[in-house]
Amino acid sequence: MVRNIDEVQQLGKDNMDATLKSFGALSKSLQTIAIEFADYSKRVFEQGTAASEKLLGAKSLDKAFEVQSDYLKSSYEGFVAQATKLGELYADLAKEAYKPFEGQFGKISAAK
């Protein structure tokens, strides 16, 4: 149980400070993720356009299949790399958003 009003006020202040820090980290991480999505979308569009131009310029059916399979392979590899990178960014987001609260849970338990 909390012993006096000063402890309650300090606990409230500490919680508010931790919440604001958490929102700051959340905002920064979400900006990074949004930029990463935008960059990836741009790359995918450019690669798709380049592959379409190569496909239209193919002189034979074999060359067309080669262009298409190269594009599919590079698209898949790019997607897997991007998914891995985004997974890491989301994991970092969770860690950074939680970090300001780590000390708060010990204070709450000690106050009881």
Protein backbone atom coordinates (compact mmCIF):
# COMPACT_ATOMS: atom_id res chain seq x y z
CA MET A 1 0.00 0.00 0.00
CA VAL A 2 1.19 3.50 -0.68
CA ARG A 3 2.31 5.20 2.51
CA ASN A 4 1.47 8.85 1.87
CA ILE A 5 0.23 11.39 -0.64
CA ASP A 6 3.74 12.43 -1.70
CA GLU A 7 4.48 8.89 -2.85
CA VAL A 8 1.23 8.82 -4.83
CA GLN A 9 2.11 12.12 -6.50
CA GLN A 10 5.64 10.99 -7.31
CA LEU A 11 4.35 7.70 -8.69
CA GLY A 12 1.88 9.59 -10.90
CA LYS A 13 4.61 11.92 -12.13
CA ASP A 14 6.96 9.03 -12.85
CA ASN A 15 4.24 7.19 -14.74
CA MET A 16 3.46 10.27 -16.83
CA ASP A 17 7.15 10.78 -17.64
CA ALA A 18 7.51 7.14 -18.66
CA THR A 19 4.38 7.36 -20.82
CA LEU A 20 5.66 10.46 -22.63
CA LYS A 21 9.05 8.82 -23.25
CA SER A 22 7.28 5.73 -24.54
CA PHE A 23 5.14 7.79 -26.94
CA GLY A 24 8.27 9.54 -28.20
CA ALA A 25 9.98 6.23 -28.90
CA LEU A 26 6.81 4.90 -30.51
CA SER A 27 6.53 7.93 -32.78
CA LYS A 28 10.16 7.73 -33.87
CA SER A 29 9.94 3.99 -34.56
CA LEU A 30 6.72 4.35 -36.55
CA GLN A 31 8.33 7.07 -38.67
CA THR A 32 11.25 4.75 -39.40
CA ILE A 33 8.86 1.94 -40.37
CA ALA A 34 6.81 4.25 -42.62
CA ILE A 35 9.96 5.44 -44.39
CA GLU A 36 11.08 1.85 -44.85
CA PHE A 37 7.70 0.90 -46.36
CA ALA A 38 7.83 3.87 -48.73
CA ASP A 39 11.38 3.07 -49.85
CA TYR A 40 10.50 -0.57 -50.40
CA SER A 41 7.39 0.33 -52.39
CA LYS A 42 9.44 2.64 -54.59
CA ARG A 43 12.08 -0.07 -55.20
CA VAL A 44 9.43 -2.67 -56.05
CA PHE A 45 7.75 -0.31 -58.51
CA GLU A 46 11.06 0.53 -60.20
CA GLN A 47 12.06 -3.13 -60.42
CA GLY A 48 8.66 -4.07 -61.82
CA THR A 49 8.87 -1.33 -64.44
CA ALA A 50 12.38 -2.38 -65.46
CA ALA A 51 11.31 -6.03 -65.70
CA SER A 52 8.28 -5.09 -67.81
CA GLU A 53 10.50 -3.14 -70.21
CA LYS A 54 12.88 -6.09 -70.51
CA LEU A 55 9.96 -8.45 -71.03
CA LEU A 56 8.52 -6.29 -73.79
CA GLY A 57 11.93 -6.12 -75.45
CA ALA A 58 12.48 -9.89 -75.35
CA LYS A 59 13.10 -11.30 -78.83
CA SER A 60 12.21 -14.88 -78.01
CA LEU A 61 9.96 -16.86 -75.73
CA ASP A 62 13.01 -18.31 -73.94
CA LYS A 63 14.33 -14.82 -73.22
CA ALA A 64 10.90 -13.76 -71.94
CA PHE A 65 10.82 -16.74 -69.54
CA GLU A 66 14.35 -15.92 -68.38
CA VAL A 67 13.44 -12.29 -67.69
CA GLN A 68 10.28 -13.32 -65.84
CA SER A 69 12.02 -15.95 -63.70
CA ASP A 70 14.87 -13.55 -62.83
CA TYR A 71 12.33 -10.93 -61.81
CA LEU A 72 10.35 -13.39 -59.68
CA LYS A 73 13.50 -14.65 -57.97
CA SER A 74 14.78 -11.15 -57.16
CA SER A 75 11.30 -10.05 -56.03
CA TYR A 76 11.01 -13.00 -53.65
CA GLU A 77 14.50 -12.43 -52.21
CA GLY A 78 13.77 -8.74 -51.80
CA PHE A 79 10.47 -9.47 -50.07
CA VAL A 80 12.07 -11.91 -47.62
CA ALA A 81 14.82 -9.41 -46.80
CA GLN A 82 12.28 -6.62 -46.33
CA ALA A 83 10.02 -8.76 -44.15
CA THR A 84 13.00 -9.64 -41.96
CA LYS A 85 14.01 -6.00 -41.67
CA LEU A 86 10.47 -4.89 -40.80
CA GLY A 87 10.19 -7.65 -38.22
CA GLU A 88 13.34 -6.33 -36.56
CA LEU A 89 12.00 -2.76 -36.66
CA TYR A 90 8.74 -3.84 -35.00
CA ALA A 91 10.66 -5.78 -32.33
CA ASP A 92 12.78 -2.69 -31.67
CA LEU A 93 9.60 -0.60 -31.49
CA ALA A 94 8.19 -2.86 -28.77
CA LYS A 95 11.46 -2.79 -26.79
CA GLU A 96 11.79 0.99 -27.01
CA ALA A 97 8.15 1.60 -26.09
CA TYR A 98 8.46 -0.68 -23.03
CA LYS A 99 11.86 0.56 -21.84
CA PRO A 100 10.59 3.66 -19.93
CA PHE A 101 8.24 1.45 -17.89
CA GLU A 102 10.81 -1.11 -16.75
CA GLY A 103 11.69 0.82 -13.60
CA GLN A 104 8.06 1.69 -12.86
CA PHE A 105 6.99 -1.88 -12.20
CA GLY A 106 9.66 -2.28 -9.51
CA LYS A 107 8.52 0.93 -7.81
CA ILE A 108 4.89 -0.20 -7.75
CA SER A 109 5.83 -3.55 -6.22
CA ALA A 110 8.06 -1.91 -3.60
CA ALA A 111 5.32 0.55 -2.63
CA LYS A 112 2.90 -2.27 -1.75
